N, C-alpha and C. Protein backbone atom coordinates (compact mmCIF):
# COMPACT_ATOMS: atom_id res chain seq x y z
N UNK A 1 0.82 -15.09 13.77
CA UNK A 1 0.36 -13.78 14.16
C UNK A 1 -1.01 -13.93 14.82
N UNK A 2 -1.17 -13.35 15.98
CA UNK A 2 -2.44 -13.46 16.68
C UNK A 2 -3.31 -12.24 16.43
N UNK A 3 -4.61 -12.43 16.58
CA UNK A 3 -5.55 -11.34 16.39
C UNK A 3 -5.48 -10.37 17.56
N UNK A 4 -5.73 -9.12 17.26
CA UNK A 4 -5.76 -8.09 18.29
C UNK A 4 -7.22 -7.80 18.60
N UNK A 5 -7.57 -7.84 19.88
CA UNK A 5 -8.93 -7.54 20.29
C UNK A 5 -9.11 -6.03 20.36
N UNK A 6 -10.05 -5.53 19.57
CA UNK A 6 -10.33 -4.10 19.56
C UNK A 6 -11.80 -3.92 19.21
N UNK A 7 -12.46 -3.03 19.89
CA UNK A 7 -13.88 -2.80 19.61
C UNK A 7 -14.04 -2.07 18.28
N UNK A 8 -15.21 -2.19 17.65
CA UNK A 8 -15.43 -1.47 16.39
C UNK A 8 -15.22 0.04 16.54
N UNK A 9 -15.68 0.61 17.64
CA UNK A 9 -15.50 2.05 17.86
C UNK A 9 -14.04 2.42 17.98
N UNK A 10 -13.28 1.62 18.70
CA UNK A 10 -11.84 1.88 18.84
C UNK A 10 -11.12 1.69 17.52
N UNK A 11 -11.54 0.71 16.75
CA UNK A 11 -10.93 0.48 15.44
C UNK A 11 -11.15 1.68 14.53
N UNK A 12 -12.35 2.23 14.55
CA UNK A 12 -12.64 3.42 13.72
C UNK A 12 -11.86 4.63 14.22
N UNK A 13 -11.73 4.75 15.53
CA UNK A 13 -10.97 5.87 16.10
C UNK A 13 -9.50 5.77 15.66
N UNK A 14 -8.96 4.56 15.68
CA UNK A 14 -7.58 4.35 15.24
C UNK A 14 -7.42 4.69 13.76
N UNK A 15 -8.34 4.19 12.94
CA UNK A 15 -8.30 4.48 11.50
C UNK A 15 -8.38 6.00 11.28
N UNK A 16 -9.25 6.66 12.02
CA UNK A 16 -9.40 8.11 11.92
C UNK A 16 -8.08 8.81 12.25
N UNK A 17 -7.45 8.43 13.35
CA UNK A 17 -6.20 9.06 13.77
C UNK A 17 -5.08 8.83 12.77
N UNK A 18 -4.99 7.60 12.27
CA UNK A 18 -3.95 7.30 11.28
C UNK A 18 -4.19 8.11 10.01
N UNK A 19 -5.43 8.15 9.54
CA UNK A 19 -5.76 8.91 8.32
C UNK A 19 -5.43 10.39 8.49
N UNK A 20 -5.82 10.96 9.63
CA UNK A 20 -5.51 12.37 9.88
C UNK A 20 -4.01 12.62 9.93
N UNK A 21 -3.29 11.74 10.60
CA UNK A 21 -1.84 11.91 10.71
C UNK A 21 -1.19 11.87 9.33
N UNK A 22 -1.68 11.00 8.47
CA UNK A 22 -1.11 10.93 7.13
C UNK A 22 -1.43 12.17 6.30
N UNK A 23 -2.67 12.64 6.39
CA UNK A 23 -3.07 13.81 5.62
C UNK A 23 -2.35 15.06 6.11
N UNK A 24 -2.16 15.16 7.43
CA UNK A 24 -1.52 16.34 8.01
C UNK A 24 0.00 16.26 8.00
N UNK A 25 0.54 15.09 7.69
CA UNK A 25 1.99 14.91 7.68
C UNK A 25 2.67 15.63 6.53
N UNK A 26 3.98 15.64 6.59
CA UNK A 26 4.77 16.34 5.56
C UNK A 26 4.86 15.54 4.26
N UNK A 27 4.78 14.21 4.38
CA UNK A 27 4.89 13.37 3.19
C UNK A 27 3.57 13.37 2.42
N UNK A 28 3.69 13.12 1.14
CA UNK A 28 2.50 13.01 0.30
C UNK A 28 1.68 11.81 0.75
N UNK A 29 0.36 12.01 0.90
CA UNK A 29 -0.49 10.91 1.36
C UNK A 29 -0.99 10.10 0.16
N UNK A 30 -1.33 8.86 0.42
CA UNK A 30 -1.81 7.95 -0.61
C UNK A 30 -3.31 7.76 -0.50
N UNK A 31 -3.93 7.39 -1.62
CA UNK A 31 -5.34 7.04 -1.59
C UNK A 31 -5.49 5.65 -0.96
N UNK A 32 -6.70 5.30 -0.60
CA UNK A 32 -6.95 3.97 -0.04
C UNK A 32 -6.53 2.89 -1.04
N UNK A 33 -6.81 3.09 -2.32
CA UNK A 33 -6.43 2.11 -3.34
C UNK A 33 -4.91 1.96 -3.41
N UNK A 34 -4.21 3.09 -3.36
CA UNK A 34 -2.75 3.03 -3.40
C UNK A 34 -2.19 2.31 -2.18
N UNK A 35 -2.75 2.56 -1.02
CA UNK A 35 -2.30 1.87 0.19
C UNK A 35 -2.56 0.37 0.05
N UNK A 36 -3.74 0.00 -0.47
CA UNK A 36 -4.06 -1.42 -0.66
C UNK A 36 -3.05 -2.07 -1.59
N UNK A 37 -2.72 -1.42 -2.69
CA UNK A 37 -1.74 -1.95 -3.63
C UNK A 37 -0.38 -2.11 -2.95
N UNK A 38 0.04 -1.08 -2.23
CA UNK A 38 1.33 -1.12 -1.55
C UNK A 38 1.39 -2.27 -0.55
N UNK A 39 0.33 -2.45 0.22
CA UNK A 39 0.30 -3.53 1.21
C UNK A 39 0.30 -4.90 0.55
N UNK A 40 -0.41 -5.05 -0.55
CA UNK A 40 -0.40 -6.33 -1.27
C UNK A 40 1.02 -6.65 -1.73
N UNK A 41 1.67 -5.67 -2.35
CA UNK A 41 3.01 -5.90 -2.91
C UNK A 41 4.04 -6.20 -1.81
N UNK A 42 3.92 -5.53 -0.68
CA UNK A 42 4.93 -5.70 0.37
C UNK A 42 4.62 -6.80 1.37
N UNK A 43 3.35 -7.16 1.54
CA UNK A 43 3.01 -8.14 2.57
C UNK A 43 2.64 -9.51 2.02
N UNK A 44 2.42 -9.61 0.73
CA UNK A 44 2.05 -10.89 0.13
C UNK A 44 3.17 -11.34 -0.81
N UNK A 45 3.33 -12.64 -0.95
CA UNK A 45 4.44 -13.15 -1.77
C UNK A 45 4.32 -12.73 -3.24
N UNK A 46 5.46 -12.38 -3.85
CA UNK A 46 5.47 -12.05 -5.27
C UNK A 46 5.32 -13.31 -6.11
N UNK A 47 5.16 -13.19 -7.40
CA UNK A 47 5.20 -11.97 -8.19
C UNK A 47 3.85 -11.24 -8.18
N UNK A 48 3.93 -9.95 -8.42
CA UNK A 48 2.73 -9.11 -8.53
C UNK A 48 2.74 -8.48 -9.91
N UNK A 49 1.62 -8.56 -10.59
CA UNK A 49 1.50 -7.99 -11.92
C UNK A 49 0.35 -7.01 -11.95
N UNK A 50 0.37 -6.13 -12.95
CA UNK A 50 -0.75 -5.19 -13.14
C UNK A 50 -2.03 -5.99 -13.30
N UNK A 51 -2.00 -7.02 -14.11
CA UNK A 51 -3.18 -7.85 -14.36
C UNK A 51 -3.67 -8.49 -13.05
N UNK A 52 -2.74 -9.03 -12.26
CA UNK A 52 -3.12 -9.68 -11.01
C UNK A 52 -3.69 -8.70 -9.99
N UNK A 53 -3.07 -7.51 -9.89
CA UNK A 53 -3.59 -6.50 -8.96
C UNK A 53 -4.98 -6.03 -9.38
N UNK A 54 -5.18 -5.86 -10.69
CA UNK A 54 -6.49 -5.43 -11.18
C UNK A 54 -7.56 -6.47 -10.84
N UNK A 55 -7.23 -7.73 -11.02
CA UNK A 55 -8.19 -8.80 -10.68
C UNK A 55 -8.44 -8.84 -9.18
N UNK A 56 -7.38 -8.71 -8.41
CA UNK A 56 -7.51 -8.78 -6.94
C UNK A 56 -8.37 -7.65 -6.39
N UNK A 57 -8.23 -6.44 -6.96
CA UNK A 57 -8.97 -5.28 -6.47
C UNK A 57 -10.25 -5.04 -7.26
N UNK A 58 -10.53 -5.91 -8.22
CA UNK A 58 -11.75 -5.83 -9.03
C UNK A 58 -11.89 -4.48 -9.72
N UNK A 59 -10.78 -4.05 -10.35
CA UNK A 59 -10.76 -2.82 -11.13
C UNK A 59 -10.08 -3.11 -12.47
N UNK A 60 -10.08 -2.14 -13.35
CA UNK A 60 -9.45 -2.31 -14.65
C UNK A 60 -7.93 -2.10 -14.53
N UNK A 61 -7.21 -2.58 -15.54
CA UNK A 61 -5.77 -2.38 -15.56
C UNK A 61 -5.38 -0.89 -15.60
N UNK A 62 -6.12 -0.04 -16.34
CA UNK A 62 -5.77 1.39 -16.32
C UNK A 62 -5.87 2.02 -14.93
N UNK A 63 -6.80 1.54 -14.10
CA UNK A 63 -6.91 2.05 -12.73
C UNK A 63 -5.63 1.73 -11.95
N UNK A 64 -5.15 0.51 -12.10
CA UNK A 64 -3.91 0.11 -11.43
C UNK A 64 -2.74 0.90 -11.99
N UNK A 65 -2.70 1.07 -13.30
CA UNK A 65 -1.61 1.80 -13.94
C UNK A 65 -1.53 3.23 -13.42
N UNK A 66 -2.67 3.90 -13.28
CA UNK A 66 -2.66 5.27 -12.75
C UNK A 66 -2.12 5.31 -11.32
N UNK A 67 -2.56 4.36 -10.51
CA UNK A 67 -2.06 4.30 -9.12
C UNK A 67 -0.56 4.04 -9.11
N UNK A 68 -0.10 3.14 -9.97
CA UNK A 68 1.33 2.81 -10.03
C UNK A 68 2.15 3.98 -10.55
N UNK A 69 1.58 4.78 -11.45
CA UNK A 69 2.29 5.96 -11.95
C UNK A 69 2.64 6.89 -10.79
N UNK A 70 1.65 7.15 -9.94
CA UNK A 70 1.86 8.03 -8.79
C UNK A 70 2.86 7.41 -7.82
N UNK A 71 2.68 6.14 -7.50
CA UNK A 71 3.58 5.50 -6.55
C UNK A 71 4.98 5.34 -7.13
N UNK A 72 5.09 5.21 -8.44
CA UNK A 72 6.40 5.16 -9.08
C UNK A 72 7.12 6.50 -8.97
N UNK A 73 6.38 7.60 -9.15
CA UNK A 73 6.97 8.93 -8.98
C UNK A 73 7.47 9.14 -7.56
N UNK A 74 6.78 8.52 -6.61
CA UNK A 74 7.17 8.62 -5.20
C UNK A 74 8.26 7.60 -4.85
N UNK A 75 8.61 6.74 -5.81
CA UNK A 75 9.63 5.69 -5.66
C UNK A 75 9.23 4.62 -4.64
N UNK A 76 7.92 4.41 -4.47
CA UNK A 76 7.44 3.40 -3.53
C UNK A 76 7.40 2.01 -4.16
N UNK A 77 7.30 1.97 -5.48
CA UNK A 77 7.27 0.72 -6.25
C UNK A 77 7.99 0.96 -7.57
N UNK A 78 8.35 -0.13 -8.24
CA UNK A 78 8.87 0.00 -9.60
C UNK A 78 8.22 -1.06 -10.48
N UNK A 79 8.25 -0.81 -11.78
CA UNK A 79 7.66 -1.74 -12.75
C UNK A 79 8.72 -2.17 -13.75
N UNK A 80 8.55 -3.42 -14.21
CA UNK A 80 9.41 -3.90 -15.30
C UNK A 80 8.64 -4.96 -16.08
N UNK A 81 9.00 -5.10 -17.31
CA UNK A 81 8.38 -6.13 -18.15
C UNK A 81 8.87 -7.50 -17.72
N UNK A 82 7.97 -8.47 -17.73
CA UNK A 82 8.31 -9.85 -17.44
C UNK A 82 9.13 -10.38 -18.61
N UNK A 83 10.38 -10.80 -18.38
CA UNK A 83 11.20 -11.27 -19.49
C UNK A 83 10.65 -12.55 -20.12
N UNK A 84 9.88 -13.33 -19.36
CA UNK A 84 9.32 -14.58 -19.89
C UNK A 84 8.03 -14.35 -20.67
N UNK A 85 7.30 -13.30 -20.34
CA UNK A 85 6.05 -12.98 -21.03
C UNK A 85 5.94 -11.47 -21.09
N UNK A 86 6.38 -10.89 -22.19
CA UNK A 86 6.49 -9.44 -22.33
C UNK A 86 5.14 -8.72 -22.20
N UNK A 87 4.04 -9.46 -22.20
CA UNK A 87 2.72 -8.83 -22.00
C UNK A 87 2.50 -8.45 -20.54
N UNK A 88 3.19 -9.12 -19.63
CA UNK A 88 3.02 -8.86 -18.19
C UNK A 88 3.97 -7.78 -17.70
N UNK A 89 3.47 -6.96 -16.79
CA UNK A 89 4.29 -5.97 -16.11
C UNK A 89 4.39 -6.40 -14.65
N UNK A 90 5.61 -6.61 -14.18
CA UNK A 90 5.85 -7.06 -12.81
C UNK A 90 6.10 -5.84 -11.92
N UNK A 91 5.44 -5.85 -10.78
CA UNK A 91 5.57 -4.76 -9.82
C UNK A 91 6.58 -5.18 -8.76
N UNK A 92 7.56 -4.33 -8.50
CA UNK A 92 8.60 -4.65 -7.54
C UNK A 92 8.67 -3.66 -6.39
N UNK A 93 9.31 -4.10 -5.34
CA UNK A 93 9.50 -3.31 -4.13
C UNK A 93 10.71 -2.40 -4.27
N UNK A 94 10.71 -1.32 -3.48
CA UNK A 94 11.85 -0.41 -3.43
C UNK A 94 12.21 -0.15 -1.97
N UNK A 95 13.39 0.36 -1.75
CA UNK A 95 13.81 0.74 -0.41
C UNK A 95 12.89 1.83 0.14
N UNK A 96 12.57 2.81 -0.70
CA UNK A 96 11.70 3.91 -0.28
C UNK A 96 10.32 3.39 0.14
N UNK A 97 9.80 2.42 -0.60
CA UNK A 97 8.50 1.84 -0.27
C UNK A 97 8.54 1.09 1.04
N UNK A 98 9.62 0.34 1.27
CA UNK A 98 9.77 -0.39 2.52
C UNK A 98 9.85 0.58 3.70
N UNK A 99 10.57 1.68 3.53
CA UNK A 99 10.68 2.68 4.59
C UNK A 99 9.34 3.37 4.84
N UNK A 100 8.60 3.64 3.77
CA UNK A 100 7.27 4.25 3.90
C UNK A 100 6.37 3.36 4.75
N UNK A 101 6.36 2.07 4.44
CA UNK A 101 5.51 1.14 5.20
C UNK A 101 6.01 0.95 6.63
N UNK A 102 7.31 0.99 6.83
CA UNK A 102 7.83 0.88 8.19
C UNK A 102 7.35 2.07 9.03
N UNK A 103 7.41 3.28 8.45
CA UNK A 103 6.91 4.47 9.15
C UNK A 103 5.41 4.37 9.39
N UNK A 104 4.68 3.86 8.41
CA UNK A 104 3.23 3.70 8.58
C UNK A 104 2.94 2.71 9.70
N UNK A 105 3.66 1.61 9.74
CA UNK A 105 3.50 0.64 10.81
C UNK A 105 3.80 1.24 12.18
N UNK A 106 4.88 2.04 12.24
CA UNK A 106 5.22 2.71 13.50
C UNK A 106 4.12 3.68 13.92
N UNK A 107 3.56 4.40 12.95
CA UNK A 107 2.48 5.35 13.23
C UNK A 107 1.25 4.63 13.78
N UNK A 108 0.85 3.56 13.11
CA UNK A 108 -0.33 2.80 13.55
C UNK A 108 -0.08 2.25 14.95
N UNK A 109 1.09 1.70 15.17
CA UNK A 109 1.43 1.13 16.47
C UNK A 109 1.39 2.18 17.57
N UNK A 110 1.99 3.34 17.32
CA UNK A 110 2.01 4.38 18.34
C UNK A 110 0.62 4.94 18.61
N UNK A 111 -0.19 5.10 17.59
CA UNK A 111 -1.55 5.63 17.79
C UNK A 111 -2.46 4.59 18.42
N UNK A 112 -2.20 3.32 18.16
CA UNK A 112 -3.01 2.25 18.78
C UNK A 112 -2.80 2.24 20.28
N UNK A 113 -1.60 2.60 20.72
CA UNK A 113 -1.32 2.65 22.15
C UNK A 113 -2.06 3.77 22.86
N UNK A 114 -2.59 4.73 22.11
CA UNK A 114 -3.29 5.87 22.70
C UNK A 114 -4.80 5.61 22.85
N UNK A 115 -5.27 4.51 22.31
CA UNK A 115 -6.71 4.24 22.36
C UNK A 115 -7.10 3.64 23.69
């Protein structure tokens, strides 16, 4: 994957447009933390655990749990106990989550073409 050349001002304009489109859209919008969690789970190799996400984002496990509760209600992710170590909760992908990110990618791509 190659880097995309974009000025800081254009990058902020793109972020602004994407954020506005999400807030004004019909679907429920996610917080920045929720988006970060979703991108980690879908773009980085598994396994993903509550403990690992908390360490990665430098937050407590309850912070991750609250974010996962919301995303679970939206069916963007699912959780299950690790059968090998019942203390761990493994975060998994869903079809709805994959479609959400595909739409987000399409949105970013289309708005980037307008800059």
